């Protein structure tokens, strides 16, 4: 069994939590609590990786991850 270290982003709003993995396009989920969304994104990532490996695709390894907050005036 291989191990992969991948970045995830978790956001909270009035409807709950939303998580996605920027390294795996289309890999996202939601949950009512932080713990639920964390478990859900782990499952989503595992399924995504299993599907890619079964198809002979590679798993991207990020070279750098940066998270920033930007104020935009409109």
PDB file of N, CA and C in Angstrom:
ATOM      1  N   UNK A   1       0.841  -1.176   0.000  1.00  0.00           N
ATOM      2  CA  UNK A   1       0.000   0.000   0.000  1.00  0.00           C
ATOM      3  C   UNK A   1       0.889   1.244   0.000  1.00  0.00           C
ATOM      4  N   UNK A   2       0.656   2.141  -0.951  1.00  0.00           N
ATOM      5  CA  UNK A   2       1.434   3.380  -1.052  1.00  0.00           C
ATOM      6  C   UNK A   2       0.777   4.474  -0.229  1.00  0.00           C
ATOM      7  N   UNK A   3       1.595   5.410   0.214  1.00  0.00           N
ATOM      8  CA  UNK A   3       1.092   6.566   0.954  1.00  0.00           C
ATOM      9  C   UNK A   3       1.318   7.819   0.123  1.00  0.00           C
ATOM     10  N   UNK A   4       0.357   8.721   0.170  1.00  0.00           N
ATOM     11  CA  UNK A   4       0.433   9.980  -0.565  1.00  0.00           C
ATOM     12  C   UNK A   4       0.169  11.127   0.405  1.00  0.00           C
ATOM     13  N   UNK A   5       0.980  12.158   0.325  1.00  0.00           N
ATOM     14  CA  UNK A   5       0.766  13.380   1.107  1.00  0.00           C
ATOM     15  C   UNK A   5       0.239  14.438   0.146  1.00  0.00           C
ATOM     16  N   UNK A   6      -1.002  14.825   0.329  1.00  0.00           N
ATOM     17  CA  UNK A   6      -1.636  15.778  -0.572  1.00  0.00           C
ATOM     18  C   UNK A   6      -2.258  16.910   0.231  1.00  0.00           C
ATOM     19  N   UNK A   7      -2.200  18.128  -0.295  1.00  0.00           N
ATOM     20  CA  UNK A   7      -2.818  19.254   0.406  1.00  0.00           C
ATOM     21  C   UNK A   7      -4.336  19.203   0.261  1.00  0.00           C
ATOM     22  N   UNK A   8      -5.029  19.666   1.290  1.00  0.00           N
ATOM     23  CA  UNK A   8      -6.477  19.839   1.216  1.00  0.00           C
ATOM     24  C   UNK A   8      -6.819  21.237   1.739  1.00  0.00           C
ATOM     25  N   UNK A   9      -7.924  21.747   1.282  1.00  0.00           N
ATOM     26  CA  UNK A   9      -8.445  23.031   1.738  1.00  0.00           C
ATOM     27  C   UNK A   9      -9.820  22.762   2.345  1.00  0.00           C
ATOM     28  N   UNK A  10     -10.044  23.277   3.542  1.00  0.00           N
ATOM     29  CA  UNK A  10     -11.346  23.146   4.192  1.00  0.00           C
ATOM     30  C   UNK A  10     -11.867  24.547   4.484  1.00  0.00           C
ATOM     31  N   UNK A  11     -13.088  24.810   4.043  1.00  0.00           N
ATOM     32  CA  UNK A  11     -13.727  26.103   4.268  1.00  0.00           C
ATOM     33  C   UNK A  11     -15.030  25.890   5.031  1.00  0.00           C
ATOM     34  N   UNK A  12     -15.368  26.837   5.876  1.00  0.00           N
ATOM     35  CA  UNK A  12     -16.625  26.784   6.623  1.00  0.00           C
ATOM     36  C   UNK A  12     -17.483  27.974   6.236  1.00  0.00           C
ATOM     37  N   UNK A  13     -18.775  27.707   6.039  1.00  0.00           N
ATOM     38  CA  UNK A  13     -19.726  28.782   5.835  1.00  0.00           C
ATOM     39  C   UNK A  13     -20.992  28.450   6.615  1.00  0.00           C
ATOM     40  N   UNK A  14     -22.043  29.198   6.414  1.00  0.00           N
ATOM     41  CA  UNK A  14     -23.273  29.015   7.194  1.00  0.00           C
ATOM     42  C   UNK A  14     -23.942  27.657   6.950  1.00  0.00           C
ATOM     43  N   UNK A  15     -23.615  27.001   5.838  1.00  0.00           N
ATOM     44  CA  UNK A  15     -24.233  25.721   5.500  1.00  0.00           C
ATOM     45  C   UNK A  15     -23.412  24.514   5.937  1.00  0.00           C
ATOM     46  N   UNK A  16     -22.218  24.724   6.472  1.00  0.00           N
ATOM     47  CA  UNK A  16     -21.382  23.605   6.891  1.00  0.00           C
ATOM     48  C   UNK A  16     -19.967  23.758   6.389  1.00  0.00           C
ATOM     49  N   UNK A  17     -19.342  22.643   6.071  1.00  0.00           N
ATOM     50  CA  UNK A  17     -17.939  22.613   5.662  1.00  0.00           C
ATOM     51  C   UNK A  17     -17.814  22.087   4.241  1.00  0.00           C
ATOM     52  N   UNK A  18     -16.835  22.610   3.527  1.00  0.00           N
ATOM     53  CA  UNK A  18     -16.538  22.212   2.154  1.00  0.00           C
ATOM     54  C   UNK A  18     -15.044  21.933   2.076  1.00  0.00           C
ATOM     55  N   UNK A  19     -14.654  20.827   1.485  1.00  0.00           N
ATOM     56  CA  UNK A  19     -13.234  20.479   1.367  1.00  0.00           C
ATOM     57  C   UNK A  19     -12.915  20.061  -0.059  1.00  0.00           C
ATOM     58  N   UNK A  20     -11.685  20.384  -0.480  1.00  0.00           N
ATOM     59  CA  UNK A  20     -11.223  19.918  -1.784  1.00  0.00           C
ATOM     60  C   UNK A  20      -9.720  19.730  -1.755  1.00  0.00           C
ATOM     61  N   UNK A  21      -9.255  18.946  -2.704  1.00  0.00           N
ATOM     62  CA  UNK A  21      -7.828  18.675  -2.861  1.00  0.00           C
ATOM     63  C   UNK A  21      -7.383  19.343  -4.156  1.00  0.00           C
ATOM     64  N   UNK A  22      -6.629  20.445  -4.060  1.00  0.00           N
ATOM     65  CA  UNK A  22      -6.255  21.169  -5.279  1.00  0.00           C
ATOM     66  C   UNK A  22      -5.372  20.367  -6.229  1.00  0.00           C
ATOM     67  N   UNK A  23      -4.690  19.347  -5.744  1.00  0.00           N
ATOM     68  CA  UNK A  23      -3.824  18.537  -6.601  1.00  0.00           C
ATOM     69  C   UNK A  23      -4.600  17.543  -7.457  1.00  0.00           C
ATOM     70  N   UNK A  24      -5.834  17.238  -7.043  1.00  0.00           N
ATOM     71  CA  UNK A  24      -6.649  16.250  -7.759  1.00  0.00           C
ATOM     72  C   UNK A  24      -7.919  16.931  -8.252  1.00  0.00           C
ATOM     73  N   UNK A  25      -7.913  17.336  -9.497  1.00  0.00           N
ATOM     74  CA  UNK A  25      -9.023  18.085 -10.072  1.00  0.00           C
ATOM     75  C   UNK A  25     -10.335  17.325  -9.902  1.00  0.00           C
ATOM     76  N   UNK A  26     -11.346  18.006  -9.401  1.00  0.00           N
ATOM     77  CA  UNK A  26     -12.661  17.406  -9.230  1.00  0.00           C
ATOM     78  C   UNK A  26     -12.825  16.618  -7.945  1.00  0.00           C
ATOM     79  N   UNK A  27     -11.826  16.641  -7.077  1.00  0.00           N
ATOM     80  CA  UNK A  27     -11.882  15.877  -5.831  1.00  0.00           C
ATOM     81  C   UNK A  27     -12.316  16.827  -4.710  1.00  0.00           C
ATOM     82  N   UNK A  28     -13.603  16.763  -4.357  1.00  0.00           N
ATOM     83  CA  UNK A  28     -14.149  17.653  -3.344  1.00  0.00           C
ATOM     84  C   UNK A  28     -15.317  16.979  -2.629  1.00  0.00           C
ATOM     85  N   UNK A  29     -15.719  17.536  -1.491  1.00  0.00           N
ATOM     86  CA  UNK A  29     -16.824  16.991  -0.718  1.00  0.00           C
ATOM     87  C   UNK A  29     -17.324  18.044   0.257  1.00  0.00           C
ATOM     88  N   UNK A  30     -18.321  17.685   1.044  1.00  0.00           N
ATOM     89  CA  UNK A  30     -18.835  18.584   2.070  1.00  0.00           C
ATOM     90  C   UNK A  30     -19.235  17.772   3.285  1.00  0.00           C
ATOM     91  N   UNK A  31     -19.527  18.467   4.377  1.00  0.00           N
ATOM     92  CA  UNK A  31     -19.964  17.811   5.597  1.00  0.00           C
ATOM     93  C   UNK A  31     -20.548  18.820   6.563  1.00  0.00           C
ATOM     94  N   UNK A  32     -21.270  18.323   7.547  1.00  0.00           N
ATOM     95  CA  UNK A  32     -21.894  19.205   8.530  1.00  0.00           C
ATOM     96  C   UNK A  32     -20.924  19.623   9.628  1.00  0.00           C
ATOM     97  N   UNK A  33     -19.871  18.842   9.853  1.00  0.00           N
ATOM     98  CA  UNK A  33     -18.878  19.177  10.876  1.00  0.00           C
ATOM     99  C   UNK A  33     -17.482  19.060  10.272  1.00  0.00           C
ATOM    100  N   UNK A  34     -16.502  19.612  10.990  1.00  0.00           N
ATOM    101  CA  UNK A  34     -15.108  19.526  10.540  1.00  0.00           C
ATOM    102  C   UNK A  34     -14.675  18.065  10.454  1.00  0.00           C
ATOM    103  N   UNK A  35     -15.022  17.288  11.463  1.00  0.00           N
ATOM    104  CA  UNK A  35     -14.639  15.873  11.492  1.00  0.00           C
ATOM    105  C   UNK A  35     -15.267  15.110  10.337  1.00  0.00           C
ATOM    106  N   UNK A  36     -16.540  15.415  10.036  1.00  0.00           N
ATOM    107  CA  UNK A  36     -17.224  14.736   8.934  1.00  0.00           C
ATOM    108  C   UNK A  36     -16.595  15.081   7.597  1.00  0.00           C
ATOM    109  N   UNK A  37     -16.316  16.365   7.363  1.00  0.00           N
ATOM    110  CA  UNK A  37     -15.745  16.748   6.074  1.00  0.00           C
ATOM    111  C   UNK A  37     -14.330  16.181   5.923  1.00  0.00           C
ATOM    112  N   UNK A  38     -13.590  16.084   7.022  1.00  0.00           N
ATOM    113  CA  UNK A  38     -12.252  15.506   6.968  1.00  0.00           C
ATOM    114  C   UNK A  38     -12.318  14.027   6.575  1.00  0.00           C
ATOM    115  N   UNK A  39     -13.236  13.284   7.177  1.00  0.00           N
ATOM    116  CA  UNK A  39     -13.412  11.872   6.816  1.00  0.00           C
ATOM    117  C   UNK A  39     -13.888  11.737   5.373  1.00  0.00           C
ATOM    118  N   UNK A  40     -14.791  12.636   4.956  1.00  0.00           N
ATOM    119  CA  UNK A  40     -15.316  12.579   3.589  1.00  0.00           C
ATOM    120  C   UNK A  40     -14.244  12.868   2.547  1.00  0.00           C
ATOM    121  N   UNK A  41     -13.372  13.848   2.809  1.00  0.00           N
ATOM    122  CA  UNK A  41     -12.339  14.163   1.817  1.00  0.00           C
ATOM    123  C   UNK A  41     -11.306  13.050   1.768  1.00  0.00           C
ATOM    124  N   UNK A  42     -11.036  12.418   2.900  1.00  0.00           N
ATOM    125  CA  UNK A  42     -10.113  11.274   2.884  1.00  0.00           C
ATOM    126  C   UNK A  42     -10.668  10.154   1.999  1.00  0.00           C
ATOM    127  N   UNK A  43     -11.957   9.852   2.139  1.00  0.00           N
ATOM    128  CA  UNK A  43     -12.589   8.838   1.290  1.00  0.00           C
ATOM    129  C   UNK A  43     -12.563   9.246  -0.178  1.00  0.00           C
ATOM    130  N   UNK A  44     -12.884  10.511  -0.451  1.00  0.00           N
ATOM    131  CA  UNK A  44     -12.899  10.990  -1.840  1.00  0.00           C
ATOM    132  C   UNK A  44     -11.517  10.897  -2.470  1.00  0.00           C
ATOM    133  N   UNK A  45     -10.489  11.261  -1.704  1.00  0.00           N
ATOM    134  CA  UNK A  45      -9.114  11.196  -2.221  1.00  0.00           C
ATOM    135  C   UNK A  45      -8.717   9.748  -2.468  1.00  0.00           C
ATOM    136  N   UNK A  46      -9.013   8.861  -1.513  1.00  0.00           N
ATOM    137  CA  UNK A  46      -8.660   7.449  -1.683  1.00  0.00           C
ATOM    138  C   UNK A  46      -9.312   6.870  -2.943  1.00  0.00           C
ATOM    139  N   UNK A  47     -10.610   7.132  -3.134  1.00  0.00           N
ATOM    140  CA  UNK A  47     -11.303   6.630  -4.323  1.00  0.00           C
ATOM    141  C   UNK A  47     -10.730   7.227  -5.605  1.00  0.00           C
ATOM    142  N   UNK A  48     -10.416   8.503  -5.574  1.00  0.00           N
ATOM    143  CA  UNK A  48      -9.835   9.185  -6.728  1.00  0.00           C
ATOM    144  C   UNK A  48      -8.484   8.551  -7.088  1.00  0.00           C
ATOM    145  N   UNK A  49      -7.640   8.338  -6.085  1.00  0.00           N
ATOM    146  CA  UNK A  49      -6.321   7.741  -6.316  1.00  0.00           C
ATOM    147  C   UNK A  49      -6.460   6.308  -6.831  1.00  0.00           C
ATOM    148  N   UNK A  50      -7.333   5.523  -6.206  1.00  0.00           N
ATOM    149  CA  UNK A  50      -7.529   4.135  -6.651  1.00  0.00           C
ATOM    150  C   UNK A  50      -7.960   4.090  -8.113  1.00  0.00           C
ATOM    151  N   UNK A  51      -8.857   4.983  -8.504  1.00  0.00           N
ATOM    152  CA  UNK A  51      -9.329   5.035  -9.887  1.00  0.00           C
ATOM    153  C   UNK A  51      -8.203   5.418 -10.845  1.00  0.00           C
ATOM    154  N   UNK A  52      -7.413   6.412 -10.465  1.00  0.00           N
ATOM    155  CA  UNK A  52      -6.303   6.840 -11.326  1.00  0.00           C
ATOM    156  C   UNK A  52      -5.270   5.737 -11.483  1.00  0.00           C
ATOM    157  N   UNK A  53      -4.927   5.069 -10.379  1.00  0.00           N
ATOM    158  CA  UNK A  53      -3.937   3.992 -10.452  1.00  0.00           C
ATOM    159  C   UNK A  53      -4.451   2.820 -11.287  1.00  0.00           C
ATOM    160  N   UNK A  54      -5.737   2.495 -11.140  1.00  0.00           N
ATOM    161  CA  UNK A  54      -6.327   1.414 -11.937  1.00  0.00           C
ATOM    162  C   UNK A  54      -6.319   1.741 -13.424  1.00  0.00           C
ATOM    163  N   UNK A  55      -6.380   3.025 -13.746  1.00  0.00           N
ATOM    164  CA  UNK A  55      -6.355   3.467 -15.149  1.00  0.00           C
ATOM    165  C   UNK A  55      -4.941   3.684 -15.666  1.00  0.00           C
ATOM    166  N   UNK A  56      -3.935   3.449 -14.817  1.00  0.00           N
ATOM    167  CA  UNK A  56      -2.548   3.635 -15.232  1.00  0.00           C
ATOM    168  C   UNK A  56      -2.087   5.074 -15.197  1.00  0.00           C
ATOM    169  N   UNK A  57      -2.865   5.936 -14.570  1.00  0.00           N
ATOM    170  CA  UNK A  57      -2.491   7.351 -14.477  1.00  0.00           C
ATOM    171  C   UNK A  57      -1.580   7.579 -13.280  1.00  0.00           C
ATOM    172  N   UNK A  58      -0.793   8.624 -13.358  1.00  0.00           N
ATOM    173  CA  UNK A  58       0.083   8.974 -12.247  1.00  0.00           C
ATOM    174  C   UNK A  58      -0.670   9.851 -11.245  1.00  0.00           C
ATOM    175  N   UNK A  59      -0.119   9.939 -10.049  1.00  0.00           N
ATOM    176  CA  UNK A  59      -0.669  10.794  -9.007  1.00  0.00           C
ATOM    177  C   UNK A  59       0.246  12.009  -8.893  1.00  0.00           C
ATOM    178  N   UNK A  60      -0.284  13.210  -9.097  1.00  0.00           N
ATOM    179  CA  UNK A  60       0.564  14.402  -9.031  1.00  0.00           C
ATOM    180  C   UNK A  60       1.112  14.622  -7.627  1.00  0.00           C
ATOM    181  N   UNK A  61       2.363  15.027  -7.564  1.00  0.00           N
ATOM    182  CA  UNK A  61       3.006  15.365  -6.303  1.00  0.00           C
ATOM    183  C   UNK A  61       3.302  16.857  -6.322  1.00  0.00           C
ATOM    184  N   UNK A  62       2.635  17.615  -5.458  1.00  0.00           N
ATOM    185  CA  UNK A  62       2.854  19.070  -5.479  1.00  0.00           C
ATOM    186  C   UNK A  62       4.265  19.423  -5.034  1.00  0.00           C
ATOM    187  N   UNK A  63       4.868  20.389  -5.707  1.00  0.00           N
ATOM    188  CA  UNK A  63       6.198  20.859  -5.328  1.00  0.00           C
ATOM    189  C   UNK A  63       6.116  21.923  -4.248  1.00  0.00           C
ATOM    190  N   UNK A  64       5.023  22.677  -4.251  1.00  0.00           N
ATOM    191  CA  UNK A  64       4.861  23.743  -3.270  1.00  0.00           C
ATOM    192  C   UNK A  64       3.381  24.002  -3.076  1.00  0.00           C
ATOM    193  N   UNK A  65       3.007  24.295  -1.851  1.00  0.00           N
ATOM    194  CA  UNK A  65       1.629  24.669  -1.547  1.00  0.00           C
ATOM    195  C   UNK A  65       1.674  25.980  -0.788  1.00  0.00           C
ATOM    196  N   UNK A  66       0.856  26.923  -1.215  1.00  0.00           N
ATOM    197  CA  UNK A  66       0.801  28.225  -0.556  1.00  0.00           C
ATOM    198  C   UNK A  66      -0.666  28.586  -0.355  1.00  0.00           C
ATOM    199  N   UNK A  67      -0.985  29.045   0.831  1.00  0.00           N
ATOM    200  CA  UNK A  67      -2.340  29.501   1.109  1.00  0.00           C
ATOM    201  C   UNK A  67      -2.250  30.959   1.543  1.00  0.00           C
ATOM    202  N   UNK A  68      -3.040  31.777   0.918  1.00  0.00           N
ATOM    203  CA  UNK A  68      -3.018  33.199   1.214  1.00  0.00           C
ATOM    204  C   UNK A  68      -4.438  33.737   1.225  1.00  0.00           C
ATOM    205  N   UNK A  69      -4.605  34.851   1.889  1.00  0.00           N
ATOM    206  CA  UNK A  69      -5.865  35.579   1.886  1.00  0.00           C
ATOM    207  C   UNK A  69      -5.623  36.902   1.185  1.00  0.00           C
ATOM    208  N   UNK A  70      -6.492  37.239   0.260  1.00  0.00           N
ATOM    209  CA  UNK A  70      -6.328  38.440  -0.524  1.00  0.00           C
ATOM    210  C   UNK A  70      -7.575  39.304  -0.383  1.00  0.00           C
ATOM    211  N   UNK A  71      -7.396  40.560  -0.030  1.00  0.00           N
ATOM    212  CA  UNK A  71      -8.516  41.489   0.046  1.00  0.00           C
ATOM    213  C   UNK A  71      -8.695  42.137  -1.312  1.00  0.00           C
ATOM    214  N   UNK A  72      -9.898  42.062  -1.846  1.00  0.00           N
ATOM    215  CA  UNK A  72     -10.213  42.626  -3.155  1.00  0.00           C
ATOM    216  C   UNK A  72     -11.336  43.633  -2.996  1.00  0.00           C
ATOM    217  N   UNK A  73     -11.126  44.824  -3.482  1.00  0.00           N
ATOM    218  CA  UNK A  73     -12.165  45.855  -3.432  1.00  0.00           C
ATOM    219  C   UNK A  73     -12.880  45.916  -4.768  1.00  0.00           C
ATOM    220  N   UNK A  74     -14.184  45.905  -4.713  1.00  0.00           N
ATOM    221  CA  UNK A  74     -14.971  45.945  -5.952  1.00  0.00           C
ATOM    222  C   UNK A  74     -16.087  46.953  -5.821  1.00  0.00           C
TER     223      UNK A  74
END
